[in-house]
N, C-alpha and C. Protein backbone atom coordinates (compact mmCIF):
# COMPACT_ATOMS: atom_id res chain seq x y z
N UNK A 1 -6.21 -7.23 -9.84
CA UNK A 1 -5.61 -5.95 -9.53
C UNK A 1 -5.05 -6.01 -8.11
N UNK A 2 -3.86 -5.43 -7.94
CA UNK A 2 -3.15 -5.43 -6.66
C UNK A 2 -2.63 -4.03 -6.38
N UNK A 3 -2.69 -3.64 -5.12
CA UNK A 3 -2.06 -2.38 -4.70
C UNK A 3 -0.77 -2.72 -3.96
N UNK A 4 0.23 -1.89 -4.16
CA UNK A 4 1.54 -2.11 -3.52
C UNK A 4 1.81 -0.94 -2.59
N UNK A 5 2.05 -1.23 -1.33
CA UNK A 5 2.30 -0.18 -0.34
C UNK A 5 3.69 0.43 -0.54
N UNK A 6 3.83 1.63 -0.01
CA UNK A 6 5.11 2.33 -0.11
C UNK A 6 6.25 1.55 0.54
N UNK A 7 5.95 0.76 1.57
CA UNK A 7 6.99 -0.04 2.24
C UNK A 7 7.68 -0.97 1.26
N UNK A 8 6.94 -1.48 0.30
CA UNK A 8 7.52 -2.39 -0.70
C UNK A 8 8.20 -1.59 -1.81
N UNK A 9 7.55 -0.53 -2.27
CA UNK A 9 8.15 0.29 -3.32
C UNK A 9 9.50 0.85 -2.88
N UNK A 10 9.59 1.30 -1.65
CA UNK A 10 10.85 1.88 -1.15
C UNK A 10 11.96 0.83 -1.18
N UNK A 11 11.68 -0.36 -0.68
CA UNK A 11 12.68 -1.44 -0.75
C UNK A 11 13.01 -1.78 -2.20
N UNK A 12 12.02 -1.77 -3.06
CA UNK A 12 12.21 -2.10 -4.48
C UNK A 12 13.18 -1.10 -5.12
N UNK A 13 12.93 0.19 -4.92
CA UNK A 13 13.80 1.21 -5.53
C UNK A 13 15.18 1.25 -4.90
N UNK A 14 15.30 0.81 -3.66
CA UNK A 14 16.62 0.73 -3.00
C UNK A 14 17.38 -0.52 -3.42
N UNK A 15 16.70 -1.45 -4.11
CA UNK A 15 17.34 -2.69 -4.50
C UNK A 15 17.46 -3.69 -3.36
N UNK A 16 16.61 -3.55 -2.36
CA UNK A 16 16.63 -4.44 -1.20
C UNK A 16 15.82 -5.69 -1.50
N UNK A 17 16.47 -6.85 -1.57
CA UNK A 17 15.71 -8.07 -1.87
C UNK A 17 14.91 -8.56 -0.66
N UNK A 18 13.61 -8.69 -0.85
CA UNK A 18 12.70 -9.23 0.16
C UNK A 18 11.68 -10.09 -0.57
N UNK A 19 10.94 -10.92 0.13
CA UNK A 19 9.86 -11.66 -0.53
C UNK A 19 8.86 -10.72 -1.21
N UNK A 20 8.64 -9.55 -0.61
CA UNK A 20 7.69 -8.60 -1.17
C UNK A 20 8.23 -7.96 -2.46
N UNK A 21 9.52 -7.58 -2.47
CA UNK A 21 10.07 -6.99 -3.68
C UNK A 21 10.19 -8.02 -4.79
N UNK A 22 10.48 -9.26 -4.42
CA UNK A 22 10.49 -10.33 -5.42
C UNK A 22 9.11 -10.50 -6.03
N UNK A 23 8.08 -10.43 -5.19
CA UNK A 23 6.69 -10.55 -5.67
C UNK A 23 6.35 -9.37 -6.57
N UNK A 24 6.74 -8.16 -6.17
CA UNK A 24 6.49 -6.99 -7.01
C UNK A 24 7.17 -7.13 -8.36
N UNK A 25 8.40 -7.56 -8.36
CA UNK A 25 9.14 -7.75 -9.60
C UNK A 25 8.43 -8.74 -10.51
N UNK A 26 7.87 -9.81 -9.93
CA UNK A 26 7.14 -10.81 -10.70
C UNK A 26 5.81 -10.26 -11.23
N UNK A 27 5.20 -9.35 -10.48
CA UNK A 27 3.89 -8.80 -10.86
C UNK A 27 3.99 -7.75 -11.96
N UNK A 28 5.07 -6.96 -11.95
CA UNK A 28 5.19 -5.88 -12.93
C UNK A 28 5.15 -6.44 -14.35
N UNK A 29 4.23 -5.93 -15.12
CA UNK A 29 4.07 -6.36 -16.51
C UNK A 29 3.21 -7.59 -16.69
N UNK A 30 2.83 -8.26 -15.59
CA UNK A 30 2.02 -9.48 -15.73
C UNK A 30 0.66 -9.37 -15.03
N UNK A 31 0.56 -8.46 -14.08
CA UNK A 31 -0.65 -8.32 -13.27
C UNK A 31 -0.98 -6.84 -13.15
N UNK A 32 -2.25 -6.46 -13.25
CA UNK A 32 -2.58 -5.04 -13.05
C UNK A 32 -2.25 -4.59 -11.63
N UNK A 33 -1.47 -3.52 -11.55
CA UNK A 33 -1.12 -2.92 -10.26
C UNK A 33 -1.73 -1.53 -10.23
N UNK A 34 -2.42 -1.24 -9.15
CA UNK A 34 -3.02 0.08 -8.98
C UNK A 34 -2.16 0.87 -8.00
N UNK A 35 -1.98 2.15 -8.31
CA UNK A 35 -1.14 3.03 -7.50
C UNK A 35 -2.04 3.99 -6.74
N UNK A 36 -1.96 3.98 -5.43
CA UNK A 36 -2.69 4.94 -4.62
C UNK A 36 -1.99 6.28 -4.63
N UNK A 37 -2.76 7.36 -4.72
CA UNK A 37 -2.16 8.69 -4.77
C UNK A 37 -1.32 9.00 -3.54
N UNK A 38 -1.77 8.57 -2.38
CA UNK A 38 -0.99 8.83 -1.15
C UNK A 38 0.29 8.00 -1.12
N UNK A 39 0.23 6.80 -1.67
CA UNK A 39 1.43 5.95 -1.78
C UNK A 39 2.42 6.59 -2.73
N UNK A 40 1.93 7.11 -3.84
CA UNK A 40 2.77 7.81 -4.81
C UNK A 40 3.52 8.95 -4.13
N UNK A 41 2.80 9.74 -3.34
CA UNK A 41 3.44 10.86 -2.63
C UNK A 41 4.48 10.36 -1.63
N UNK A 42 4.14 9.33 -0.87
CA UNK A 42 5.07 8.79 0.14
C UNK A 42 6.39 8.34 -0.51
N UNK A 43 6.28 7.64 -1.63
CA UNK A 43 7.47 7.10 -2.27
C UNK A 43 8.29 8.20 -2.94
N UNK A 44 7.63 9.05 -3.71
CA UNK A 44 8.36 10.07 -4.46
C UNK A 44 9.07 11.09 -3.58
N UNK A 45 8.51 11.37 -2.41
CA UNK A 45 9.15 12.37 -1.55
C UNK A 45 10.48 11.91 -1.00
N UNK A 46 10.78 10.63 -1.10
CA UNK A 46 12.02 10.10 -0.54
C UNK A 46 13.22 10.16 -1.47
N UNK A 47 13.02 10.55 -2.72
CA UNK A 47 14.14 10.56 -3.66
C UNK A 47 14.94 11.85 -3.54
N UNK A 48 16.26 11.70 -3.40
CA UNK A 48 17.14 12.86 -3.28
C UNK A 48 17.49 13.45 -4.64
N UNK A 49 17.75 12.57 -5.62
CA UNK A 49 18.18 13.07 -6.93
C UNK A 49 16.98 13.24 -7.87
N UNK A 50 17.07 14.26 -8.69
CA UNK A 50 16.01 14.53 -9.67
C UNK A 50 15.89 13.37 -10.67
N UNK A 51 17.04 12.79 -11.03
CA UNK A 51 17.05 11.68 -11.98
C UNK A 51 16.26 10.48 -11.43
N UNK A 52 16.56 10.09 -10.19
CA UNK A 52 15.86 8.96 -9.57
C UNK A 52 14.38 9.26 -9.39
N UNK A 53 14.07 10.50 -8.98
CA UNK A 53 12.68 10.93 -8.83
C UNK A 53 11.93 10.75 -10.14
N UNK A 54 12.53 11.24 -11.24
CA UNK A 54 11.86 11.18 -12.54
C UNK A 54 11.70 9.76 -13.05
N UNK A 55 12.68 8.89 -12.80
CA UNK A 55 12.56 7.49 -13.20
C UNK A 55 11.42 6.81 -12.43
N UNK A 56 11.37 7.04 -11.14
CA UNK A 56 10.30 6.44 -10.33
C UNK A 56 8.95 7.01 -10.73
N UNK A 57 8.89 8.31 -10.97
CA UNK A 57 7.65 8.95 -11.39
C UNK A 57 7.13 8.33 -12.68
N UNK A 58 8.01 8.11 -13.63
CA UNK A 58 7.62 7.53 -14.91
C UNK A 58 7.05 6.12 -14.72
N UNK A 59 7.74 5.29 -13.92
CA UNK A 59 7.28 3.93 -13.69
C UNK A 59 5.95 3.92 -12.95
N UNK A 60 5.87 4.68 -11.88
CA UNK A 60 4.70 4.63 -11.01
C UNK A 60 3.45 5.25 -11.64
N UNK A 61 3.61 6.30 -12.43
CA UNK A 61 2.44 6.92 -13.06
C UNK A 61 2.03 6.22 -14.34
N UNK A 62 2.81 5.23 -14.77
CA UNK A 62 2.37 4.38 -15.88
C UNK A 62 1.28 3.42 -15.41
N UNK A 63 1.19 3.25 -14.09
CA UNK A 63 0.15 2.41 -13.49
C UNK A 63 -1.11 3.25 -13.32
N UNK A 64 -2.23 2.59 -13.13
CA UNK A 64 -3.47 3.31 -12.83
C UNK A 64 -3.34 3.96 -11.45
N UNK A 65 -3.50 5.27 -11.38
CA UNK A 65 -3.41 6.00 -10.11
C UNK A 65 -4.83 6.30 -9.64
N UNK A 66 -5.12 5.91 -8.39
CA UNK A 66 -6.45 6.12 -7.82
C UNK A 66 -6.38 7.01 -6.59
N UNK A 67 -7.44 7.76 -6.36
CA UNK A 67 -7.58 8.56 -5.15
C UNK A 67 -8.01 7.62 -4.03
N UNK A 68 -7.24 7.57 -2.96
CA UNK A 68 -7.51 6.63 -1.89
C UNK A 68 -8.58 7.09 -0.91
N UNK A 69 -8.67 8.35 -0.67
CA UNK A 69 -9.60 8.82 0.36
C UNK A 69 -10.89 9.31 -0.27
N UNK A 70 -11.46 10.30 0.30
CA UNK A 70 -12.78 10.76 -0.06
C UNK A 70 -13.68 10.54 1.14
N UNK A 71 -14.86 11.07 1.08
CA UNK A 71 -15.77 11.07 2.21
C UNK A 71 -16.04 9.67 2.77
N UNK A 72 -16.46 8.75 1.91
CA UNK A 72 -16.86 7.42 2.38
C UNK A 72 -15.69 6.62 2.95
N UNK A 73 -14.56 6.66 2.27
CA UNK A 73 -13.38 5.94 2.76
C UNK A 73 -12.88 6.56 4.06
N UNK A 74 -12.91 7.89 4.14
CA UNK A 74 -12.47 8.56 5.37
C UNK A 74 -13.32 8.13 6.57
N UNK A 75 -14.62 8.07 6.37
CA UNK A 75 -15.51 7.67 7.46
C UNK A 75 -15.27 6.21 7.84
N UNK A 76 -15.16 5.35 6.83
CA UNK A 76 -14.93 3.93 7.11
C UNK A 76 -13.55 3.71 7.74
N UNK A 77 -12.55 4.49 7.32
CA UNK A 77 -11.21 4.39 7.92
C UNK A 77 -11.28 4.72 9.40
N UNK A 78 -12.05 5.74 9.75
CA UNK A 78 -12.20 6.09 11.17
C UNK A 78 -12.90 4.95 11.92
N UNK A 79 -13.89 4.34 11.29
CA UNK A 79 -14.56 3.19 11.92
C UNK A 79 -13.58 2.03 12.11
N UNK A 80 -12.78 1.77 11.09
CA UNK A 80 -11.80 0.68 11.19
C UNK A 80 -10.77 0.95 12.28
N UNK A 81 -10.29 2.19 12.36
CA UNK A 81 -9.34 2.57 13.39
C UNK A 81 -9.96 2.33 14.78
N UNK A 82 -11.19 2.78 14.96
CA UNK A 82 -11.87 2.62 16.25
C UNK A 82 -12.09 1.14 16.57
N UNK A 83 -12.44 0.35 15.55
CA UNK A 83 -12.63 -1.08 15.75
C UNK A 83 -11.33 -1.75 16.23
N UNK A 84 -10.25 -1.42 15.57
CA UNK A 84 -8.96 -2.00 15.96
C UNK A 84 -8.55 -1.54 17.36
N UNK A 85 -8.78 -0.28 17.65
CA UNK A 85 -8.46 0.25 18.98
C UNK A 85 -9.25 -0.51 20.05
N UNK A 86 -10.52 -0.82 19.75
CA UNK A 86 -11.35 -1.59 20.69
C UNK A 86 -10.82 -3.00 20.88
N UNK A 87 -10.07 -3.51 19.88
CA UNK A 87 -9.45 -4.83 19.96
C UNK A 87 -8.08 -4.77 20.64
N UNK A 88 -7.69 -3.57 21.07
CA UNK A 88 -6.40 -3.40 21.73
C UNK A 88 -5.26 -3.12 20.78
N UNK A 89 -5.57 -2.79 19.52
CA UNK A 89 -4.56 -2.51 18.51
C UNK A 89 -4.56 -1.01 18.21
N UNK A 90 -3.38 -0.40 18.31
CA UNK A 90 -3.27 1.00 17.95
C UNK A 90 -2.50 1.09 16.63
N UNK A 91 -3.16 1.62 15.62
CA UNK A 91 -2.51 1.83 14.33
C UNK A 91 -1.71 3.12 14.42
N UNK A 92 -0.45 3.05 14.01
CA UNK A 92 0.45 4.20 14.19
C UNK A 92 0.25 5.31 13.17
N UNK A 93 -0.23 4.98 11.97
CA UNK A 93 -0.31 5.99 10.92
C UNK A 93 -1.71 6.01 10.28
N UNK A 94 -2.29 7.19 10.24
CA UNK A 94 -3.61 7.35 9.62
C UNK A 94 -3.57 6.94 8.15
N UNK A 95 -2.48 7.25 7.47
CA UNK A 95 -2.40 6.93 6.05
C UNK A 95 -2.51 5.41 5.81
N UNK A 96 -1.95 4.61 6.72
CA UNK A 96 -2.07 3.16 6.59
C UNK A 96 -3.51 2.72 6.77
N UNK A 97 -4.22 3.38 7.66
CA UNK A 97 -5.63 3.07 7.86
C UNK A 97 -6.43 3.38 6.59
N UNK A 98 -6.13 4.49 5.95
CA UNK A 98 -6.80 4.86 4.71
C UNK A 98 -6.49 3.86 3.60
N UNK A 99 -5.22 3.51 3.44
CA UNK A 99 -4.81 2.55 2.41
C UNK A 99 -5.50 1.20 2.63
N UNK A 100 -5.43 0.70 3.85
CA UNK A 100 -6.06 -0.59 4.16
C UNK A 100 -7.56 -0.55 3.92
N UNK A 101 -8.19 0.53 4.33
CA UNK A 101 -9.64 0.66 4.17
C UNK A 101 -10.02 0.69 2.70
N UNK A 102 -9.27 1.44 1.89
CA UNK A 102 -9.54 1.47 0.45
C UNK A 102 -9.49 0.04 -0.11
N UNK A 103 -8.45 -0.68 0.25
CA UNK A 103 -8.28 -2.04 -0.27
C UNK A 103 -9.40 -2.97 0.21
N UNK A 104 -9.78 -2.86 1.47
CA UNK A 104 -10.86 -3.69 2.01
C UNK A 104 -12.16 -3.38 1.28
N UNK A 105 -12.49 -2.12 1.16
CA UNK A 105 -13.76 -1.71 0.57
C UNK A 105 -13.85 -2.03 -0.92
N UNK A 106 -12.71 -2.12 -1.59
CA UNK A 106 -12.69 -2.37 -3.04
C UNK A 106 -12.18 -3.76 -3.41
N UNK A 107 -12.01 -4.63 -2.40
CA UNK A 107 -11.53 -6.00 -2.62
C UNK A 107 -10.24 -6.04 -3.42
N UNK A 108 -9.32 -5.16 -3.07
CA UNK A 108 -8.02 -5.09 -3.73
C UNK A 108 -6.97 -5.66 -2.78
N UNK A 109 -6.30 -6.73 -3.15
CA UNK A 109 -5.20 -7.24 -2.31
C UNK A 109 -4.09 -6.21 -2.19
N UNK A 110 -3.43 -6.20 -1.04
CA UNK A 110 -2.35 -5.25 -0.78
C UNK A 110 -1.05 -6.00 -0.56
N UNK A 111 -0.02 -5.59 -1.29
CA UNK A 111 1.32 -6.13 -1.09
C UNK A 111 2.05 -5.17 -0.16
N UNK A 112 2.45 -5.64 1.01
CA UNK A 112 3.03 -4.77 2.02
C UNK A 112 4.10 -5.51 2.80
N UNK A 113 5.00 -4.72 3.40
CA UNK A 113 5.97 -5.29 4.34
C UNK A 113 5.91 -4.56 5.67
N UNK A 114 5.00 -3.63 5.81
CA UNK A 114 4.81 -2.85 7.03
C UNK A 114 3.88 -3.62 7.96
N UNK A 115 4.37 -3.95 9.14
CA UNK A 115 3.58 -4.76 10.09
C UNK A 115 2.31 -4.08 10.54
N UNK A 116 2.19 -2.77 10.32
CA UNK A 116 0.97 -2.07 10.70
C UNK A 116 -0.26 -2.56 9.94
N UNK A 117 -0.07 -3.25 8.85
CA UNK A 117 -1.21 -3.76 8.09
C UNK A 117 -1.70 -5.11 8.61
N UNK A 118 -0.88 -5.80 9.40
CA UNK A 118 -1.27 -7.12 9.92
C UNK A 118 -2.61 -7.12 10.65
N UNK A 119 -2.90 -6.15 11.52
CA UNK A 119 -4.21 -6.16 12.19
C UNK A 119 -5.38 -6.02 11.22
N UNK A 120 -5.17 -5.33 10.11
CA UNK A 120 -6.23 -5.21 9.12
C UNK A 120 -6.51 -6.55 8.45
N UNK A 121 -5.46 -7.35 8.28
CA UNK A 121 -5.62 -8.70 7.76
C UNK A 121 -6.32 -9.57 8.82
N UNK A 122 -5.83 -9.52 10.04
CA UNK A 122 -6.31 -10.38 11.12
C UNK A 122 -7.75 -10.06 11.54
N UNK A 123 -8.12 -8.78 11.56
CA UNK A 123 -9.40 -8.39 12.14
C UNK A 123 -10.43 -7.84 11.16
N UNK A 124 -9.98 -7.35 9.99
CA UNK A 124 -10.91 -6.62 9.11
C UNK A 124 -11.00 -7.17 7.70
N UNK A 125 -10.27 -8.24 7.41
CA UNK A 125 -10.42 -8.89 6.11
C UNK A 125 -9.57 -8.33 4.98
N UNK A 126 -8.55 -7.52 5.31
CA UNK A 126 -7.61 -7.08 4.26
C UNK A 126 -6.95 -8.31 3.67
N UNK A 127 -6.85 -8.35 2.36
CA UNK A 127 -6.22 -9.48 1.65
C UNK A 127 -4.76 -9.15 1.38
N UNK A 128 -3.87 -10.00 1.86
CA UNK A 128 -2.45 -9.83 1.58
C UNK A 128 -2.14 -10.39 0.19
N UNK A 129 -1.38 -9.62 -0.59
CA UNK A 129 -1.01 -10.07 -1.93
C UNK A 129 0.26 -10.93 -1.93
N UNK A 130 0.80 -11.18 -0.75
CA UNK A 130 1.96 -12.05 -0.65
C UNK A 130 1.46 -13.46 -0.35
N UNK A 131 1.67 -14.39 -1.26
CA UNK A 131 1.19 -15.75 -1.00
C UNK A 131 1.79 -16.32 0.29
N UNK A 132 0.98 -17.03 1.01
CA UNK A 132 1.44 -17.68 2.25
C UNK A 132 2.48 -18.74 1.90
N UNK A 133 3.50 -18.83 2.75
CA UNK A 133 4.54 -19.84 2.48
C UNK A 133 4.42 -20.98 3.46
């Protein structure tokens, strides 16, 4: 099972070719992909047309949708944020901390193109779903 961050989904729906969108394209239909509820909201809010919104909604909700936060993840996300801050790393978005923490706590690799996740890989054991080249 793999989670895909909004940074990859947005490029995917825009048709922007990247190593991450190529990986997502290869994973769809062959590997279980889990959709985080906050990621779903981030991606869907960016669609201007109702048609594009509905197409993305259909694709994304066909995947297993999970609640990313909750009491335990929220507390651990705060711990992870504080740990990274003590290492001299400031995470710019709380939502990224929650997504990374969910993946760390549930051993779910994350496919991402947002550099804000790199410290979670480097310092906290987040697994990147993009194979090293």
